Protein backbone atom coordinates (compact mmCIF):
# COMPACT_ATOMS: atom_id res chain seq x y z
CA UNK A 1 -11.60 8.33 -20.14
CA UNK A 2 -11.62 4.88 -22.36
CA UNK A 3 -13.71 2.08 -21.66
CA UNK A 4 -13.61 0.65 -18.23
CA UNK A 5 -13.38 -3.18 -17.83
CA UNK A 6 -15.92 -4.45 -15.26
CA UNK A 7 -14.47 -4.01 -11.08
CA UNK A 8 -14.81 -6.70 -8.86
CA UNK A 9 -16.43 -5.06 -6.19
CA UNK A 10 -18.78 -2.28 -5.60
CA UNK A 11 -16.30 -0.56 -3.61
CA UNK A 12 -14.00 -0.80 -6.05
CA UNK A 13 -17.17 0.85 -8.91
CA UNK A 14 -17.96 3.80 -6.22
CA UNK A 15 -13.82 4.62 -6.37
CA UNK A 16 -14.24 4.80 -10.15
CA UNK A 17 -17.37 6.84 -10.25
CA UNK A 18 -15.59 9.48 -7.67
CA UNK A 19 -12.55 9.03 -9.69
CA UNK A 20 -14.62 10.52 -12.40
CA UNK A 21 -16.66 13.10 -10.92
CA UNK A 22 -13.22 14.39 -9.12
CA UNK A 23 -12.37 16.05 -12.59
CA UNK A 24 -15.14 18.08 -12.07
CA UNK A 25 -15.74 18.04 -7.93
CA UNK A 26 -13.45 18.42 -5.60
CA UNK A 27 -15.61 17.09 -2.77
CA UNK A 28 -14.67 13.39 -4.59
CA UNK A 29 -11.70 13.52 -4.34
CA UNK A 30 -11.42 14.35 -0.84
CA UNK A 31 -13.61 11.17 -0.33
CA UNK A 32 -10.99 9.01 -2.55
CA UNK A 33 -8.19 10.60 -0.44
CA UNK A 34 -10.46 9.50 2.97
CA UNK A 35 -10.67 5.93 1.86
CA UNK A 36 -7.02 5.78 0.91
CA UNK A 37 -5.23 7.68 2.99
CA UNK A 38 -4.36 5.25 5.92
CA UNK A 39 -2.98 2.92 3.17
CA UNK A 40 -0.61 5.08 1.66
CA UNK A 41 0.72 6.99 5.05
CA UNK A 42 1.56 2.96 6.50
CA UNK A 43 3.04 2.14 3.26
CA UNK A 44 5.48 5.58 3.44
CA UNK A 45 6.22 5.05 7.16
CA UNK A 46 6.80 1.80 6.95
CA UNK A 47 9.44 2.64 4.24
CA UNK A 48 10.81 5.73 6.00
CA UNK A 49 10.55 5.36 9.86
CA UNK A 50 10.22 8.99 10.03
CA UNK A 51 6.29 10.57 10.60
CA UNK A 52 7.69 14.15 8.48
CA UNK A 53 9.17 11.95 5.98
CA UNK A 54 5.77 9.97 5.52
CA UNK A 55 3.24 13.14 6.35
CA UNK A 56 5.61 14.36 3.17
CA UNK A 57 5.24 12.08 0.82
CA UNK A 58 1.81 11.20 1.58
CA UNK A 59 0.73 14.56 0.77
CA UNK A 60 3.22 14.10 -2.62
CA UNK A 61 1.30 11.30 -3.27
CA UNK A 62 -1.78 12.94 -3.26
CA UNK A 63 -0.74 15.75 -5.20
CA UNK A 64 0.27 13.65 -7.86
CA UNK A 65 -2.84 11.69 -7.97
CA UNK A 66 -4.84 14.85 -7.83
CA UNK A 67 -2.70 16.15 -11.09
CA UNK A 68 -2.88 12.86 -12.87
CA UNK A 69 -6.27 11.73 -11.92
CA UNK A 70 -7.22 11.82 -15.97
CA UNK A 71 -4.48 9.29 -16.14
CA UNK A 72 -6.83 6.52 -13.99
CA UNK A 73 -8.34 4.36 -16.33
CA UNK A 74 -10.54 1.73 -13.88
CA UNK A 75 -8.46 -0.89 -15.22
CA UNK A 76 -7.40 -1.47 -11.68
CA UNK A 77 -8.66 -0.40 -8.75
CA UNK A 78 -7.94 3.03 -7.53
CA UNK A 79 -6.24 1.58 -4.14
CA UNK A 80 -3.53 -0.07 -7.07
CA UNK A 81 -3.33 3.17 -8.69
CA UNK A 82 -2.26 5.12 -5.98
CA UNK A 83 -0.22 2.76 -4.51
CA UNK A 84 1.75 2.61 -7.92
CA UNK A 85 2.44 6.63 -7.67
CA UNK A 86 3.11 6.13 -3.37
CA UNK A 87 5.69 3.24 -5.14
CA UNK A 88 7.14 5.76 -7.49
CA UNK A 89 7.47 8.71 -5.16
CA UNK A 90 9.23 6.31 -2.25
CA UNK A 91 11.54 5.22 -4.94
CA UNK A 92 12.22 9.06 -6.06
CA UNK A 93 12.84 10.18 -1.84
CA UNK A 94 14.92 7.66 -1.54
CA UNK A 95 17.62 8.38 -4.90
CA UNK A 96 17.62 12.07 -4.11
CA UNK A 97 18.69 11.28 -0.76
CA UNK A 98 21.51 8.90 -2.28
CA UNK A 99 20.87 6.42 -0.22
CA UNK A 100 19.62 3.08 -0.75
CA UNK A 101 18.51 2.02 2.69
CA UNK A 102 15.21 2.30 3.82
CA UNK A 103 14.36 2.87 7.99
CA UNK A 104 13.30 -0.12 9.59
CA UNK A 105 9.28 -0.57 9.54
CA UNK A 106 8.45 -0.60 13.39
CA UNK A 107 7.31 3.17 13.13
CA UNK A 108 4.44 1.74 11.03
CA UNK A 109 2.52 -0.56 13.10
CA UNK A 110 2.03 2.34 15.63
CA UNK A 111 -0.66 4.09 13.02
CA UNK A 112 -3.43 2.50 13.91
CA UNK A 113 -6.07 1.00 11.67
CA UNK A 114 -9.45 2.98 12.74
CA UNK A 115 -11.87 -0.29 11.60
CA UNK A 116 -10.45 -2.94 13.94
CA UNK A 117 -11.66 -3.21 17.55
CA UNK A 118 -9.32 -2.50 20.27
CA UNK A 119 -8.62 -6.17 21.01
CA UNK A 120 -8.25 -6.56 17.73
CA UNK A 121 -5.97 -3.93 16.71
CA UNK A 122 -3.62 -4.73 19.87
CA UNK A 123 -3.30 -8.40 18.28
CA UNK A 124 -2.44 -6.60 14.48
CA UNK A 125 0.34 -4.55 16.17
CA UNK A 126 2.17 -7.57 17.86
CA UNK A 127 1.88 -9.51 14.75
CA UNK A 128 3.48 -6.55 12.79
CA UNK A 129 5.95 -5.80 15.16
CA UNK A 130 7.18 -9.09 14.74
CA UNK A 131 6.81 -9.42 10.90
CA UNK A 132 8.56 -5.72 10.49
CA UNK A 133 11.49 -7.07 11.97
CA UNK A 134 11.95 -10.20 9.87
CA UNK A 135 10.64 -8.22 6.69
CA UNK A 136 14.26 -6.70 6.86
CA UNK A 137 16.13 -9.86 6.26
CA UNK A 138 14.15 -11.14 3.13
CA UNK A 139 14.33 -10.79 -0.05
CA UNK A 140 13.30 -7.14 -1.68
CA UNK A 141 10.98 -8.11 -4.21
CA UNK A 142 9.35 -10.19 -1.11
CA UNK A 143 9.19 -7.52 1.67
CA UNK A 144 7.43 -5.24 -1.36
CA UNK A 145 4.64 -7.56 -1.80
CA UNK A 146 4.04 -8.35 2.27
CA UNK A 147 4.13 -4.80 3.05
CA UNK A 148 1.62 -3.66 0.11
CA UNK A 149 -0.36 -6.62 1.39
CA UNK A 150 -0.47 -6.10 5.14
CA UNK A 151 0.86 -2.38 5.59
CA UNK A 152 -1.11 -0.85 2.51
CA UNK A 153 -4.14 -3.32 2.40
CA UNK A 154 -3.84 -4.21 -1.07
CA UNK A 155 -5.34 -7.34 -2.83
CA UNK A 156 -3.11 -9.60 -5.02
CA UNK A 157 -4.34 -8.09 -7.46
CA UNK A 158 -3.80 -4.58 -7.01
CA UNK A 159 -0.27 -5.24 -5.81
CA UNK A 160 0.25 -7.64 -8.91
CA UNK A 161 -0.56 -3.44 -10.96
CA UNK A 162 1.67 -1.80 -8.12
CA UNK A 163 4.91 -4.13 -8.72
CA UNK A 164 4.09 -4.74 -12.61
CA UNK A 165 3.79 -8.51 -11.81
CA UNK A 166 1.13 -11.37 -12.61
CA UNK A 167 -0.93 -12.37 -9.85
CA UNK A 168 0.82 -15.60 -10.07
CA UNK A 169 4.11 -13.97 -9.45
CA UNK A 170 2.62 -11.64 -6.69
CA UNK A 171 0.82 -15.30 -5.01
CA UNK A 172 4.56 -16.62 -4.78
CA UNK A 173 6.03 -13.85 -3.78
CA UNK A 174 4.24 -13.11 -0.90
CA UNK A 175 4.36 -17.19 -0.18
CA UNK A 176 7.85 -17.49 -0.06
CA UNK A 177 8.08 -14.48 1.82
CA UNK A 178 5.75 -15.68 3.99
CA UNK A 179 7.64 -18.48 4.30
CA UNK A 180 11.11 -16.58 5.20
CA UNK A 181 8.94 -14.70 7.52
CA UNK A 182 7.88 -18.08 9.22
CA UNK A 183 11.12 -19.09 9.72
CA UNK A 184 12.24 -16.00 11.16
CA UNK A 185 9.35 -15.46 13.62
CA UNK A 186 6.84 -17.47 15.61
CA UNK A 187 3.88 -16.19 13.68
CA UNK A 188 1.55 -18.44 11.76
CA UNK A 189 1.08 -15.96 8.96
CA UNK A 190 -1.06 -16.85 6.22
CA UNK A 191 -1.63 -15.65 2.34
CA UNK A 192 -5.35 -14.71 2.23
CA UNK A 193 -5.56 -12.79 -0.35
């Protein structure tokens, strides 16, 4: 591996260590899988609306990651790297179907976040249902940035890696996307990242 840039969090440092270790230790990759499977699954179900297709795409994403783990350089977070793979798998999925229309995002809100208490999960679900309906009516780049932020839980920096845009451009996409969503929902959404 090439020289790694300094990371921003202990979790990112730990994931870089796990990625290195996974070259020779399957349990290290299993830990990376455990940490990231929810975000990848929610991203895929948000786009496909199909549990079966989301499961298949999630599996394909992690198989590609396992096969290409040597290409992870640690210059961004592992989450951004794996979501970049997920994005490519999503694009291939829709190209192979000859169908660019994606299914509404409502299905993604029914996959719970295991870290949230029940009351907060219920509030999050209501917010996500409203957001998912409104996302169908805004520009694709804005919707993708918001999906990566809210459904996949990425930071603006991580989203910039996935979308191959500057962090400033991502902030603008999210800001304008949230403004679009505010106009279409009753939620007071904030750009927190």
